[in-house]
């Protein structure tokens, strides 16, 4: 497994001025860059647990996980 990004969903939740589709495209681009670099394994994201109280940012093929502090 490889972590494709760190707390991007938390950033998204704080930026209502940027459309959700823009954020999803960004995450999909990161995933594709990792695939292009040869990372053909499961990928995941990590966010604070507070984000999961609503609807978290979901990107196809990136598993969401919770960072607990």
N, C-alpha and C. Protein backbone atom coordinates (compact mmCIF):
# COMPACT_ATOMS: atom_id res chain seq x y z
N UNK A 1 0.84 -1.19 0.00
CA UNK A 1 0.00 0.00 0.00
C UNK A 1 0.88 1.24 0.00
N UNK A 2 0.37 2.29 -0.60
CA UNK A 2 1.07 3.57 -0.59
C UNK A 2 0.07 4.68 -0.28
N UNK A 3 0.50 5.61 0.56
CA UNK A 3 -0.34 6.76 0.87
C UNK A 3 -0.19 7.77 -0.26
N UNK A 4 -1.29 8.02 -0.97
CA UNK A 4 -1.26 8.90 -2.14
C UNK A 4 -1.20 10.38 -1.75
N UNK A 5 -1.70 10.72 -0.59
CA UNK A 5 -1.64 12.10 -0.11
C UNK A 5 -1.90 12.12 1.38
N UNK A 6 -1.70 13.26 2.00
CA UNK A 6 -1.87 13.39 3.44
C UNK A 6 -2.77 14.58 3.75
N UNK A 7 -3.93 14.30 4.30
CA UNK A 7 -4.88 15.31 4.78
C UNK A 7 -5.37 16.27 3.70
N UNK A 8 -5.41 15.82 2.47
CA UNK A 8 -5.95 16.67 1.41
C UNK A 8 -7.43 16.93 1.62
N UNK A 9 -8.16 15.92 2.09
CA UNK A 9 -9.59 16.11 2.37
C UNK A 9 -9.82 17.17 3.43
N UNK A 10 -8.92 17.25 4.40
CA UNK A 10 -9.04 18.29 5.43
C UNK A 10 -8.86 19.67 4.82
N UNK A 11 -7.93 19.78 3.89
CA UNK A 11 -7.71 21.03 3.17
C UNK A 11 -8.95 21.39 2.35
N UNK A 12 -9.50 20.39 1.67
CA UNK A 12 -10.69 20.61 0.84
C UNK A 12 -11.83 21.17 1.67
N UNK A 13 -12.02 20.62 2.85
CA UNK A 13 -13.12 21.04 3.71
C UNK A 13 -12.99 22.50 4.14
N UNK A 14 -11.78 23.04 4.10
CA UNK A 14 -11.55 24.43 4.51
C UNK A 14 -11.52 25.39 3.33
N UNK A 15 -11.72 24.91 2.11
CA UNK A 15 -11.65 25.75 0.91
C UNK A 15 -12.95 25.69 0.11
N UNK A 16 -14.02 26.29 0.64
CA UNK A 16 -15.29 26.27 -0.10
C UNK A 16 -15.25 27.10 -1.38
N UNK A 17 -14.21 27.89 -1.55
CA UNK A 17 -14.10 28.73 -2.76
C UNK A 17 -13.62 27.94 -3.97
N UNK A 18 -13.13 26.73 -3.77
CA UNK A 18 -12.66 25.89 -4.88
C UNK A 18 -13.65 24.74 -5.05
N UNK A 19 -14.18 24.55 -6.25
CA UNK A 19 -15.18 23.50 -6.48
C UNK A 19 -14.66 22.10 -6.13
N UNK A 20 -15.54 21.27 -5.61
CA UNK A 20 -15.19 19.91 -5.24
C UNK A 20 -14.64 19.13 -6.42
N UNK A 21 -15.17 19.34 -7.61
CA UNK A 21 -14.67 18.63 -8.78
C UNK A 21 -13.20 18.95 -9.06
N UNK A 22 -12.77 20.18 -8.78
CA UNK A 22 -11.37 20.55 -8.95
C UNK A 22 -10.49 19.73 -8.01
N UNK A 23 -10.93 19.57 -6.78
CA UNK A 23 -10.18 18.77 -5.80
C UNK A 23 -10.13 17.30 -6.22
N UNK A 24 -11.25 16.79 -6.72
CA UNK A 24 -11.28 15.38 -7.14
C UNK A 24 -10.33 15.16 -8.32
N UNK A 25 -10.28 16.11 -9.24
CA UNK A 25 -9.36 15.99 -10.38
C UNK A 25 -7.91 15.98 -9.89
N UNK A 26 -7.61 16.82 -8.90
CA UNK A 26 -6.26 16.88 -8.34
C UNK A 26 -5.87 15.53 -7.75
N UNK A 27 -6.75 14.94 -6.94
CA UNK A 27 -6.47 13.65 -6.33
C UNK A 27 -6.33 12.55 -7.38
N UNK A 28 -7.18 12.59 -8.39
CA UNK A 28 -7.09 11.61 -9.47
C UNK A 28 -5.77 11.75 -10.23
N UNK A 29 -5.29 12.98 -10.37
CA UNK A 29 -4.01 13.21 -11.05
C UNK A 29 -2.86 12.63 -10.24
N UNK A 30 -2.88 12.81 -8.93
CA UNK A 30 -1.84 12.24 -8.07
C UNK A 30 -1.85 10.72 -8.21
N UNK A 31 -3.03 10.13 -8.17
CA UNK A 31 -3.15 8.67 -8.33
C UNK A 31 -2.55 8.24 -9.66
N UNK A 32 -2.89 8.94 -10.73
CA UNK A 32 -2.39 8.56 -12.05
C UNK A 32 -0.87 8.70 -12.13
N UNK A 33 -0.32 9.74 -11.52
CA UNK A 33 1.13 9.92 -11.52
C UNK A 33 1.83 8.76 -10.80
N UNK A 34 1.23 8.29 -9.70
CA UNK A 34 1.79 7.15 -9.00
C UNK A 34 1.71 5.89 -9.85
N UNK A 35 0.60 5.70 -10.54
CA UNK A 35 0.47 4.55 -11.45
C UNK A 35 1.51 4.63 -12.56
N UNK A 36 1.68 5.82 -13.13
CA UNK A 36 2.65 6.01 -14.21
C UNK A 36 4.08 5.74 -13.74
N UNK A 37 4.32 5.97 -12.44
CA UNK A 37 5.66 5.73 -11.87
C UNK A 37 5.87 4.26 -11.49
N UNK A 38 4.84 3.43 -11.69
CA UNK A 38 4.99 2.01 -11.42
C UNK A 38 4.36 1.52 -10.13
N UNK A 39 3.66 2.37 -9.41
CA UNK A 39 3.00 1.98 -8.16
C UNK A 39 1.64 1.35 -8.46
N UNK A 40 1.65 0.10 -8.86
CA UNK A 40 0.41 -0.61 -9.18
C UNK A 40 -0.02 -1.43 -7.96
N UNK A 41 -0.28 -0.73 -6.86
CA UNK A 41 -0.67 -1.34 -5.59
C UNK A 41 -1.79 -0.50 -4.98
N UNK A 42 -2.48 -1.01 -3.96
CA UNK A 42 -3.53 -0.22 -3.32
C UNK A 42 -3.01 1.12 -2.80
N UNK A 43 -3.82 2.16 -2.95
CA UNK A 43 -3.46 3.50 -2.49
C UNK A 43 -4.50 3.99 -1.50
N UNK A 44 -4.06 4.83 -0.57
CA UNK A 44 -4.99 5.37 0.42
C UNK A 44 -4.69 6.82 0.72
N UNK A 45 -5.66 7.47 1.35
CA UNK A 45 -5.50 8.85 1.80
C UNK A 45 -5.61 8.85 3.33
N UNK A 46 -5.26 9.94 3.96
CA UNK A 46 -5.35 10.04 5.41
C UNK A 46 -5.84 11.42 5.81
N UNK A 47 -6.86 11.44 6.66
CA UNK A 47 -7.42 12.71 7.15
C UNK A 47 -7.76 12.59 8.62
N UNK A 48 -8.00 13.72 9.24
CA UNK A 48 -8.44 13.74 10.62
C UNK A 48 -9.84 13.15 10.73
N UNK A 49 -10.14 12.54 11.87
CA UNK A 49 -11.44 11.87 12.05
C UNK A 49 -12.61 12.84 11.97
N UNK A 50 -12.40 14.12 12.25
CA UNK A 50 -13.49 15.11 12.21
C UNK A 50 -14.09 15.20 10.81
N UNK A 51 -13.29 14.93 9.79
CA UNK A 51 -13.78 15.04 8.41
C UNK A 51 -14.84 14.00 8.09
N UNK A 52 -14.79 12.87 8.77
CA UNK A 52 -15.72 11.79 8.47
C UNK A 52 -17.07 11.95 9.15
N UNK A 53 -17.26 13.03 9.88
CA UNK A 53 -18.56 13.29 10.48
C UNK A 53 -19.56 13.74 9.42
N UNK A 54 -19.06 14.28 8.34
CA UNK A 54 -19.91 14.67 7.22
C UNK A 54 -19.68 13.70 6.08
N UNK A 55 -19.59 14.21 4.89
CA UNK A 55 -19.32 13.38 3.72
C UNK A 55 -17.88 13.63 3.30
N UNK A 56 -16.99 12.67 3.48
CA UNK A 56 -15.59 12.88 3.11
C UNK A 56 -15.41 12.93 1.60
N UNK A 57 -14.34 13.56 1.21
CA UNK A 57 -13.97 13.58 -0.21
C UNK A 57 -13.61 12.16 -0.61
N UNK A 58 -14.27 11.65 -1.61
CA UNK A 58 -13.99 10.29 -2.07
C UNK A 58 -13.51 10.35 -3.51
N UNK A 59 -12.43 9.70 -3.77
CA UNK A 59 -11.89 9.59 -5.11
C UNK A 59 -11.81 8.10 -5.42
N UNK A 60 -12.29 7.71 -6.56
CA UNK A 60 -12.31 6.30 -6.94
C UNK A 60 -10.90 5.70 -6.86
N UNK A 61 -10.80 4.56 -6.25
CA UNK A 61 -9.56 3.79 -6.10
C UNK A 61 -8.59 4.36 -5.08
N UNK A 62 -8.99 5.34 -4.31
CA UNK A 62 -8.18 5.82 -3.17
C UNK A 62 -8.96 5.54 -1.90
N UNK A 63 -8.47 4.65 -1.07
CA UNK A 63 -9.17 4.28 0.14
C UNK A 63 -9.01 5.35 1.21
N UNK A 64 -10.09 5.86 1.80
CA UNK A 64 -9.96 6.86 2.86
C UNK A 64 -9.61 6.20 4.19
N UNK A 65 -8.68 6.79 4.93
CA UNK A 65 -8.34 6.31 6.27
C UNK A 65 -8.37 7.51 7.21
N UNK A 66 -8.41 7.23 8.51
CA UNK A 66 -8.49 8.28 9.52
C UNK A 66 -7.20 8.34 10.30
N UNK A 67 -6.68 9.54 10.48
CA UNK A 67 -5.51 9.77 11.32
C UNK A 67 -6.03 10.08 12.72
N UNK A 68 -5.61 9.32 13.69
CA UNK A 68 -6.06 9.52 15.07
C UNK A 68 -4.88 10.06 15.87
N UNK A 69 -5.12 11.21 16.51
CA UNK A 69 -4.05 11.80 17.33
C UNK A 69 -4.44 11.86 18.77
